[in-house]
């Protein structure tokens, strides 16, 4: 019979004082409610990404605080060959189960610090409890190793008709996580190796052989991860832009409409111009998130909590991947989606803002927006916090970086430029809302996104 809530709290605190508790819940599977499944004639794959609270329940420790994120993977082999999960494709910086456990081990210093300053005033009691806390910590570290190993995905061949499942311990992502599951056919690898070795001997040392695509099975997932307040979560795009108001455009009409768009964003009142509208992306919301998810991060909404995170990152000179971005306006509203690609610190990042339009092309929504590169921070009287990010004045570089990045991600069906921004030179630049100068050739990049990854050209 469970204890009443007040007694349960008192008991848990006393237990933490006396021993080092470790209480994983091996039967917890609530994360499977959000699992995604894809299949073809060779395999069926199911994945789920755990939130911080879910990971702590399952593994008994706050694993996300160590920068580790468990990803559940289940593989059912439908092919005639053995399959093996290629973990590097899922995350090149993955942790092995024992490595992840070691990073989460209870440490002696932390165990002793739990007594606090007041506790150490009662030295006899502390001296009595210290051995018990250290002993239970040592025992639970061994248990933790076993839990992580038992839960980890075993990298052994998955035989035809068999199923394998477990967790891959990846680096931490929040908001949206791109999960690439690649399965290699073992018989194909052996055959390919013999063919490649023969070809290398015949062609000489300058030849580089890659295994044929038929030897691997790829699955790509875009998984929402609970934990941050992404700025687009509160939006209903059908209410924002009613489907009845959307105009389907032929290529010529689309170019005309895109070139007629405002040249720049504005302030909330629409009285001052901001950063140039230099980006057009064509694709559904899901396609858009999937295309950017592997390389770009969501932006959190502005709140006291996220402002405090931003201040800490600024003062400590560290990265904050999901830092909020300031609001710019287009079509009489602030951006619908803000994404960023963080770099070394919070002062260095690329960020883009997108607005849904009343246009569609080939049955796909058209989004327009702005992309620029932050290269530092400066003081300004034009922002409430007296500071602002300083953008690189060559905004065309960030625009072109965006299409190159999406091309590398194999998500671009087609791309080209239209006018409409208005050219200006470094000698006669324009300025955004906070006074930063920028220059441009006056063109917008238009990117037609692919809903799936495109094959790499040979």
Protein backbone atom coordinates (compact mmCIF):
# COMPACT_ATOMS: atom_id res chain seq x y z
CA UNK A 1 0.00 0.00 0.00
CA UNK A 2 1.56 3.34 -1.04
CA UNK A 3 2.33 5.90 1.64
CA UNK A 4 0.40 9.19 1.78
CA UNK A 5 2.14 11.96 -0.16
CA UNK A 6 3.55 13.84 2.91
CA UNK A 7 4.94 10.64 4.44
CA UNK A 8 6.32 9.50 1.08
CA UNK A 9 8.20 12.79 0.74
CA UNK A 10 9.66 12.55 4.27
CA UNK A 11 10.66 8.93 3.69
CA UNK A 12 12.38 9.76 0.37
CA UNK A 13 14.38 12.57 2.01
CA UNK A 14 15.46 10.38 4.93
CA UNK A 15 16.40 7.63 2.51
CA UNK A 16 18.54 10.03 0.48
CA UNK A 17 20.28 11.17 3.66
CA UNK A 18 21.14 7.66 4.80
CA UNK A 19 21.95 5.86 1.54
CA UNK A 20 22.57 6.56 -2.15
CA UNK A 21 19.27 5.64 -3.82
CA UNK A 22 19.09 4.20 -7.31
CA UNK A 23 15.57 3.35 -8.49
CA UNK A 24 15.28 2.66 -12.24
CA UNK A 25 11.89 1.57 -13.56
CA UNK A 26 12.66 -1.27 -15.97
CA UNK A 27 8.99 -1.67 -16.92
CA UNK A 28 8.46 1.94 -17.95
CA UNK A 29 7.53 2.21 -21.65
CA UNK A 30 5.50 5.43 -21.86
CA UNK A 31 7.88 6.76 -24.51
CA UNK A 32 6.56 4.14 -26.96
CA UNK A 33 3.35 6.16 -27.27
CA UNK A 34 5.34 8.58 -29.45
CA UNK A 35 7.23 5.88 -31.37
CA UNK A 36 7.45 6.15 -35.15
CA UNK A 37 7.62 3.16 -37.49
CA UNK A 38 8.75 2.85 -41.10
CA UNK A 39 9.07 -0.29 -43.17
CA UNK A 40 9.87 -1.70 -46.58
CA UNK A 41 10.33 -5.19 -47.99
CA UNK A 42 13.71 -5.57 -46.26
CA UNK A 43 13.10 -4.31 -42.72
CA UNK A 44 10.76 -2.59 -40.32
CA UNK A 45 12.23 -0.02 -37.94
CA UNK A 46 10.66 1.66 -34.91
CA UNK A 47 12.31 4.55 -33.07
CA UNK A 48 11.47 6.72 -30.06
CA UNK A 49 13.49 9.47 -28.42
CA UNK A 50 13.26 9.81 -24.64
CA UNK A 51 12.71 13.11 -22.88
CA UNK A 52 14.82 13.94 -19.83
CA UNK A 53 12.14 12.82 -17.36
CA UNK A 54 11.48 9.59 -19.24
CA UNK A 55 15.19 8.76 -19.36
CA UNK A 56 15.52 9.39 -15.62
CA UNK A 57 12.58 7.10 -14.85
CA UNK A 58 13.90 4.29 -17.03
CA UNK A 59 17.59 4.48 -16.11
CA UNK A 60 17.30 5.84 -12.58
CA UNK A 61 19.64 8.82 -13.11
CA UNK A 62 19.32 12.23 -14.85
CA UNK A 63 21.19 11.01 -17.91
CA UNK A 64 20.30 14.09 -19.99
CA UNK A 65 22.27 16.31 -17.62
CA UNK A 66 25.36 14.50 -18.87
CA UNK A 67 24.51 15.43 -22.45
CA UNK A 68 23.30 11.90 -23.25
CA UNK A 69 19.99 11.07 -24.92
CA UNK A 70 18.74 7.47 -25.21
CA UNK A 71 17.12 6.59 -28.54
CA UNK A 72 15.04 3.42 -28.64
CA UNK A 73 15.51 1.38 -31.81
CA UNK A 74 13.64 -1.77 -32.82
CA UNK A 75 14.59 -3.60 -36.04
CA UNK A 76 12.66 -6.45 -37.64
CA UNK A 77 14.64 -8.13 -40.41
CA UNK A 78 12.46 -9.03 -43.40
CA UNK A 79 15.31 -9.72 -45.81
CA UNK A 80 17.17 -12.92 -46.72
CA UNK A 81 20.45 -11.52 -45.35
CA UNK A 82 21.65 -10.75 -41.87
CA UNK A 83 21.45 -7.04 -41.02
CA UNK A 84 23.60 -4.95 -38.70
CA UNK A 85 22.77 -1.51 -37.29
CA UNK A 86 25.33 1.11 -38.34
CA UNK A 87 25.40 3.21 -35.17
CA UNK A 88 27.69 5.88 -36.62
CA UNK A 89 24.95 6.88 -39.07
CA UNK A 90 22.65 7.49 -36.11
CA UNK A 91 25.24 9.56 -34.24
CA UNK A 92 28.99 9.68 -34.99
CA UNK A 93 29.57 10.72 -31.35
CA UNK A 94 27.44 8.02 -29.73
CA UNK A 95 28.22 6.60 -26.28
CA UNK A 96 28.57 2.90 -25.56
CA UNK A 97 26.32 1.63 -22.73
CA UNK A 98 29.20 1.37 -20.24
CA UNK A 99 30.54 4.77 -21.30
CA UNK A 100 27.13 6.35 -20.70
CA UNK A 101 26.81 4.59 -17.34
CA UNK A 102 30.28 5.71 -16.25
CA UNK A 103 29.40 9.33 -16.97
CA UNK A 104 26.32 8.96 -14.75
CA UNK A 105 28.04 7.19 -11.84
CA UNK A 106 27.57 8.50 -8.31
CA UNK A 107 30.74 10.27 -7.19
CA UNK A 108 32.24 10.37 -3.69
CA UNK A 109 32.37 14.18 -3.61
CA UNK A 110 28.71 14.50 -4.53
CA UNK A 111 27.71 11.91 -1.96
CA UNK A 112 29.55 13.76 0.80
CA UNK A 113 28.15 17.11 -0.30
CA UNK A 114 24.58 15.89 0.24
CA UNK A 115 25.00 16.30 3.97
CA UNK A 116 25.35 20.05 3.58
CA UNK A 117 27.07 22.52 5.91
CA UNK A 118 24.56 22.01 8.72
CA UNK A 119 24.90 18.23 8.48
CA UNK A 120 28.64 18.42 9.03
CA UNK A 121 28.03 20.16 12.37
CA UNK A 122 26.87 16.77 13.62
CA UNK A 123 30.16 15.05 12.95
CA UNK A 124 29.46 11.78 14.80
CA UNK A 125 26.27 11.21 12.82
CA UNK A 126 28.01 12.09 9.55
CA UNK A 127 30.91 9.76 10.28
CA UNK A 128 28.39 7.00 10.89
CA UNK A 129 26.46 7.64 7.68
CA UNK A 130 29.37 8.28 5.30
CA UNK A 131 30.44 4.63 4.95
CA UNK A 132 26.85 3.58 4.27
CA UNK A 133 26.36 6.23 1.59
CA UNK A 134 29.67 5.41 -0.08
CA UNK A 135 29.02 1.67 0.05
CA UNK A 136 25.55 2.03 -1.51
CA UNK A 137 26.97 4.39 -4.14
CA UNK A 138 29.62 1.82 -5.07
CA UNK A 139 27.06 -0.99 -5.20
CA UNK A 140 24.61 1.11 -7.24
CA UNK A 141 27.31 2.11 -9.72
CA UNK A 142 27.76 -1.59 -10.44
CA UNK A 143 23.98 -1.98 -10.77
CA UNK A 144 23.89 1.03 -13.08
CA UNK A 145 26.44 -0.60 -15.38
CA UNK A 146 24.20 -3.65 -15.60
CA UNK A 147 21.05 -1.62 -16.30
CA UNK A 148 22.70 0.36 -19.12
CA UNK A 149 24.25 -2.75 -20.67
CA UNK A 150 20.99 -4.70 -20.50
CA UNK A 151 19.11 -1.81 -22.13
CA UNK A 152 21.68 -1.05 -24.83
CA UNK A 153 21.18 -2.11 -28.45
CA UNK A 154 23.46 -5.11 -29.02
CA UNK A 155 25.58 -4.65 -32.13
CA UNK A 156 25.30 -8.23 -33.32
CA UNK A 157 23.90 -9.52 -36.63
CA UNK A 158 20.10 -9.55 -36.87
CA UNK A 159 19.30 -12.80 -38.62
CA UNK A 160 16.55 -13.10 -41.27
CA UNK A 161 13.13 -13.10 -39.60
CA UNK A 162 14.59 -11.99 -36.25
CA UNK A 163 13.97 -8.84 -34.22
CA UNK A 164 16.36 -6.78 -32.12
CA UNK A 165 15.71 -3.76 -29.92
CA UNK A 166 17.44 -1.57 -27.39
CA UNK A 167 18.77 1.92 -26.75
CA UNK A 168 21.50 3.80 -28.56
CA UNK A 169 23.01 6.49 -26.34
CA UNK A 170 23.33 9.61 -28.48
CA UNK A 171 24.33 13.21 -27.87
CA UNK A 172 21.54 15.37 -26.53
CA UNK A 173 19.09 17.15 -28.86
CA UNK A 174 15.90 18.94 -27.89
CA UNK A 175 12.90 20.17 -29.85
CA UNK A 176 13.30 18.07 -33.00
CA UNK A 177 15.79 15.24 -33.48
CA UNK A 178 16.76 13.72 -36.82
CA UNK A 179 17.30 9.97 -36.51
CA UNK A 180 19.01 8.18 -39.40
CA UNK A 181 18.89 4.40 -39.07
CA UNK A 182 21.14 2.56 -41.53
CA UNK A 183 21.14 -1.23 -41.72
CA UNK A 184 23.95 -3.00 -43.56
CA UNK A 185 23.42 -6.37 -45.26
CA UNK A 186 26.16 -8.68 -43.96
CA UNK A 187 26.22 -11.03 -46.94
CA UNK A 188 26.37 -8.02 -49.25
CA UNK A 189 29.29 -6.54 -47.32
CA UNK A 190 31.31 -9.74 -47.67
CA UNK A 191 30.53 -9.95 -51.38
CA UNK A 192 31.31 -6.25 -51.90
CA UNK A 193 34.62 -6.56 -50.07
CA UNK A 194 35.77 -9.36 -52.37
CA UNK A 195 34.72 -7.38 -55.45
CA UNK A 196 36.35 -4.17 -54.20
CA UNK A 197 39.61 -5.85 -53.24
CA UNK A 198 39.82 -7.42 -56.69
CA UNK A 199 39.13 -4.05 -58.32
CA UNK A 200 41.69 -2.27 -56.13
CA UNK A 201 44.39 -4.75 -57.13
CA UNK A 202 43.48 -4.30 -60.80
CA UNK A 203 43.10 -0.52 -60.80
CA UNK A 204 45.92 0.45 -58.46
CA UNK A 205 46.03 2.41 -55.20
CA UNK A 206 44.31 5.53 -56.54
CA UNK A 207 40.88 3.89 -56.64
CA UNK A 208 38.44 4.48 -53.78
CA UNK A 209 35.61 1.98 -53.58
CA UNK A 210 32.23 2.67 -51.98
CA UNK A 211 29.72 -0.09 -51.29
CA UNK A 212 26.70 -0.07 -53.61
CA UNK A 213 23.53 1.46 -52.18
CA UNK A 214 21.79 -1.90 -52.57
CA UNK A 215 23.85 -3.18 -49.63
CA UNK A 216 22.29 -0.82 -47.11
CA UNK A 217 18.76 -0.04 -45.93
CA UNK A 218 18.14 3.56 -44.83
CA UNK A 219 15.33 4.94 -42.70
CA UNK A 220 15.01 8.62 -41.81
CA UNK A 221 12.90 9.88 -38.92
CA UNK A 222 12.12 13.37 -37.65
CA UNK A 223 11.16 12.97 -34.01
CA UNK A 224 9.70 15.67 -31.75
CA UNK A 225 11.30 15.57 -28.29
CA UNK A 226 9.39 16.96 -25.28
CA UNK A 227 11.34 19.35 -23.13
CA UNK A 228 11.58 22.79 -24.75
CA UNK A 229 8.94 25.34 -25.72
CA UNK A 230 9.66 25.68 -29.44
CA UNK A 231 8.19 28.89 -30.78
CA UNK A 232 5.95 27.21 -33.38
CA UNK A 233 4.20 24.76 -31.04
CA UNK A 234 1.35 27.14 -30.21
CA UNK A 235 0.52 27.90 -33.84
CA UNK A 236 -2.36 26.54 -35.89
CA UNK A 237 -1.21 27.06 -39.47
CA UNK A 238 -4.69 26.42 -40.91
CA UNK A 239 -6.01 29.36 -38.86
CA UNK A 240 -2.96 31.47 -39.59
CA UNK A 241 -3.36 30.99 -43.36
CA UNK A 242 -6.77 29.44 -44.15
CA UNK A 243 -6.51 26.85 -46.95
CA UNK A 244 -9.29 28.65 -48.87
CA UNK A 245 -7.07 31.73 -49.20
CA UNK A 246 -4.10 29.87 -50.69
CA UNK A 247 -3.38 30.50 -54.39
CA UNK A 248 -1.86 27.65 -56.40
CA UNK A 249 0.85 29.16 -58.58
CA UNK A 250 2.39 28.01 -61.84
CA UNK A 251 6.15 28.65 -62.15
CA UNK A 252 5.84 32.02 -63.92
CA UNK A 253 3.16 33.26 -61.55
CA UNK A 254 5.17 32.09 -58.54
CA UNK A 255 8.24 34.06 -59.65
CA UNK A 256 6.12 37.18 -60.22
CA UNK A 257 4.54 36.93 -56.76
CA UNK A 258 7.82 36.23 -55.03
CA UNK A 259 9.48 39.25 -56.61
CA UNK A 260 6.53 41.40 -55.50
CA UNK A 261 6.96 40.51 -51.82
CA UNK A 262 8.20 43.20 -49.41
CA UNK A 263 11.98 43.66 -49.64
CA UNK A 264 12.54 43.49 -45.88
CA UNK A 265 10.98 42.63 -42.55
CA UNK A 266 9.64 45.41 -40.35
CA UNK A 267 9.03 46.36 -36.72
CA UNK A 268 5.68 45.53 -35.10
CA UNK A 269 4.12 48.81 -36.27
CA UNK A 270 5.34 48.31 -39.83
CA UNK A 271 6.98 51.73 -39.87
CA UNK A 272 10.66 50.71 -40.06
CA UNK A 273 12.49 48.20 -42.21
CA UNK A 274 14.58 45.38 -40.75
CA UNK A 275 16.57 42.51 -42.21
CA UNK A 276 16.05 41.59 -45.90
CA UNK A 277 13.54 38.93 -46.94
CA UNK A 278 16.11 36.82 -48.78
CA UNK A 279 14.85 33.23 -48.39
CA UNK A 280 12.00 31.20 -49.91
CA UNK A 281 11.37 27.57 -48.94
CA UNK A 282 8.74 25.40 -50.63
CA UNK A 283 7.52 22.32 -48.77
CA UNK A 284 5.12 21.08 -46.12
CA UNK A 285 5.76 21.87 -42.47
CA UNK A 286 6.85 18.27 -41.80
CA UNK A 287 9.19 18.32 -44.81
CA UNK A 288 10.64 21.62 -43.65
CA UNK A 289 11.38 20.31 -40.15
CA UNK A 290 12.83 17.08 -41.51
CA UNK A 291 15.11 18.95 -43.91
CA UNK A 292 16.52 21.26 -41.27
CA UNK A 293 16.42 18.92 -38.24
CA UNK A 294 19.80 17.23 -38.74
CA UNK A 295 21.73 20.51 -38.82
CA UNK A 296 19.54 23.27 -37.35
CA UNK A 297 17.82 23.64 -33.98
CA UNK A 298 14.46 25.01 -32.87
CA UNK A 299 14.27 28.33 -31.03
CA UNK A 300 12.50 28.54 -27.70
CA UNK A 301 9.87 31.15 -26.95
CA UNK A 302 10.93 34.22 -25.00
CA UNK A 303 10.23 33.79 -21.28
CA UNK A 304 11.93 34.54 -17.97
CA UNK A 305 13.45 31.05 -17.97
CA UNK A 306 14.84 31.26 -21.52
CA UNK A 307 16.07 34.82 -20.96
CA UNK A 308 17.99 33.60 -17.90
CA UNK A 309 19.50 30.76 -19.97
CA UNK A 310 20.54 33.31 -22.58
CA UNK A 311 22.13 35.60 -19.99
CA UNK A 312 24.08 32.70 -18.46
CA UNK A 313 25.30 31.58 -21.88
CA UNK A 314 26.37 35.15 -22.71
CA UNK A 315 28.21 35.68 -19.40
CA UNK A 316 29.93 32.29 -19.50
CA UNK A 317 30.71 32.45 -23.22
CA UNK A 318 29.09 29.08 -23.91
CA UNK A 319 26.58 27.73 -26.40
CA UNK A 320 22.79 27.73 -25.99
CA UNK A 321 21.48 25.79 -28.96
CA UNK A 322 17.83 26.76 -28.50
CA UNK A 323 18.23 30.44 -27.62
CA UNK A 324 15.17 32.59 -28.43
CA UNK A 325 15.42 35.01 -31.32
CA UNK A 326 13.93 38.48 -31.39
CA UNK A 327 10.71 39.09 -33.29
CA UNK A 328 10.67 40.55 -36.78
CA UNK A 329 7.44 41.17 -38.65
CA UNK A 330 6.08 40.34 -42.09
CA UNK A 331 2.44 40.15 -43.21
CA UNK A 332 1.59 42.05 -39.97
CA UNK A 333 2.80 39.22 -37.70
CA UNK A 334 6.00 37.99 -36.11
CA UNK A 335 7.79 34.98 -37.54
CA UNK A 336 5.96 31.63 -37.58
CA UNK A 337 9.11 29.53 -37.24
CA UNK A 338 12.61 30.43 -36.07
CA UNK A 339 15.53 28.04 -36.54
CA UNK A 340 19.21 28.42 -35.79
CA UNK A 341 22.49 26.71 -36.34
CA UNK A 342 24.58 27.29 -33.24
CA UNK A 343 28.35 27.47 -33.36
CA UNK A 344 30.97 27.92 -30.63
CA UNK A 345 29.10 30.35 -28.36
CA UNK A 346 25.71 32.01 -28.16
CA UNK A 347 27.27 35.02 -29.92
CA UNK A 348 28.01 32.99 -33.05
CA UNK A 349 25.15 31.39 -34.91
CA UNK A 350 23.11 31.44 -38.07
CA UNK A 351 19.43 32.04 -37.62
CA UNK A 352 16.47 32.14 -39.94
CA UNK A 353 12.85 33.19 -39.62
CA UNK A 354 10.03 31.90 -41.81
CA UNK A 355 6.47 33.02 -42.51
CA UNK A 356 3.78 30.92 -44.19
CA UNK A 357 2.37 32.65 -47.28
CA UNK A 358 -0.90 32.44 -49.19
CA UNK A 359 0.89 30.74 -52.08
CA UNK A 360 1.46 27.11 -52.98
CA UNK A 361 3.46 25.43 -55.71
CA UNK A 362 2.95 21.85 -56.89
CA UNK A 363 0.60 21.34 -53.95
CA UNK A 364 3.24 22.45 -51.42
CA UNK A 365 3.10 25.52 -49.16
CA UNK A 366 5.45 28.43 -49.84
CA UNK A 367 7.36 29.97 -46.91
CA UNK A 368 9.32 33.20 -47.10
CA UNK A 369 11.82 34.49 -44.64
CA UNK A 370 15.12 35.93 -43.60
CA UNK A 371 18.47 34.31 -42.83
CA UNK A 372 21.62 35.96 -41.46
CA UNK A 373 24.77 35.11 -39.53
CA UNK A 374 25.50 36.43 -36.03
CA UNK A 375 29.18 37.22 -35.55
CA UNK A 376 29.18 38.94 -32.15
CA UNK A 377 27.32 41.04 -29.61
CA UNK A 378 27.25 44.81 -29.26
CA UNK A 379 25.55 47.44 -27.12
CA UNK A 380 22.49 49.23 -28.48
CA UNK A 381 19.76 51.51 -27.19
CA UNK A 382 17.33 49.98 -29.70
CA UNK A 383 16.75 46.77 -27.70
CA UNK A 384 15.12 46.38 -24.27
CA UNK A 385 18.18 44.57 -22.86
CA UNK A 386 20.64 47.12 -24.36
CA UNK A 387 22.45 44.39 -26.31
CA UNK A 388 21.96 42.82 -29.73
CA UNK A 389 23.65 40.32 -31.96
CA UNK A 390 25.81 41.88 -34.65
CA UNK A 391 25.17 40.32 -38.06
CA UNK A 392 27.67 39.76 -40.81
CA UNK A 393 26.92 42.58 -43.30
CA UNK A 394 27.31 40.13 -46.22
CA UNK A 395 23.83 38.66 -45.85
CA UNK A 396 24.14 36.89 -49.20
CA UNK A 397 26.71 34.55 -47.61
CA UNK A 398 24.15 33.28 -45.08
CA UNK A 399 21.52 32.97 -47.83
CA UNK A 400 23.82 30.83 -49.98
CA UNK A 401 25.04 28.85 -46.97
CA UNK A 402 21.44 27.78 -46.37
CA UNK A 403 21.00 26.22 -49.81
CA UNK A 404 24.45 24.59 -49.69
CA UNK A 405 23.67 23.12 -46.27
CA UNK A 406 20.33 21.68 -47.40
CA UNK A 407 22.00 20.31 -50.51
CA UNK A 408 24.54 18.51 -48.33
CA UNK A 409 21.59 17.10 -46.37
CA UNK A 410 20.22 15.73 -49.70
CA UNK A 411 16.96 17.67 -49.38
CA UNK A 412 17.02 20.05 -52.36
CA UNK A 413 14.99 19.14 -55.46
CA UNK A 414 15.66 22.45 -57.16
CA UNK A 415 16.96 25.91 -56.29
CA UNK A 416 17.28 29.27 -58.00
CA UNK A 417 17.16 33.02 -57.48
CA UNK A 418 14.49 35.68 -57.90
CA UNK A 419 14.68 39.42 -57.39
CA UNK A 420 12.75 41.61 -55.00
CA UNK A 421 15.16 42.52 -52.20
CA UNK A 422 16.86 45.45 -53.89
CA UNK A 423 20.63 45.58 -54.32
CA UNK A 424 22.92 47.70 -52.16
CA UNK A 425 26.69 47.87 -51.95
CA UNK A 426 29.14 47.80 -49.02
CA UNK A 427 29.84 51.47 -49.77
CA UNK A 428 26.14 52.35 -49.59
CA UNK A 429 24.59 49.73 -47.27
CA UNK A 430 21.14 49.42 -45.77
CA UNK A 431 20.44 49.00 -42.04
CA UNK A 432 18.27 46.68 -39.99
CA UNK A 433 16.14 47.61 -36.97
CA UNK A 434 19.08 47.64 -34.54
CA UNK A 435 21.33 49.65 -36.84
CA UNK A 436 23.47 46.86 -38.28
CA UNK A 437 24.63 47.51 -41.84
CA UNK A 438 24.12 44.95 -44.60
CA UNK A 439 24.73 44.71 -48.33
CA UNK A 440 23.24 42.34 -50.90
CA UNK A 441 22.96 41.61 -54.61
CA UNK A 442 19.19 41.99 -54.14
CA UNK A 443 18.16 38.39 -54.83
CA UNK A 444 16.19 35.79 -52.89
CA UNK A 445 17.12 32.12 -52.92
CA UNK A 446 14.16 29.80 -53.70
CA UNK A 447 14.54 26.22 -52.43
CA UNK A 448 12.17 23.41 -53.43
CA UNK A 449 12.49 20.83 -50.66
CA UNK A 450 12.35 17.08 -51.20
CA UNK A 451 10.11 15.17 -48.75
CA UNK A 452 12.74 12.39 -48.67
CA UNK A 453 16.50 12.29 -49.00
CA UNK A 454 17.66 12.33 -52.58
CA UNK A 455 20.32 9.91 -53.83
CA UNK A 456 23.86 11.21 -53.93
CA UNK A 457 24.91 11.96 -57.54
CA UNK A 458 27.56 9.59 -58.84
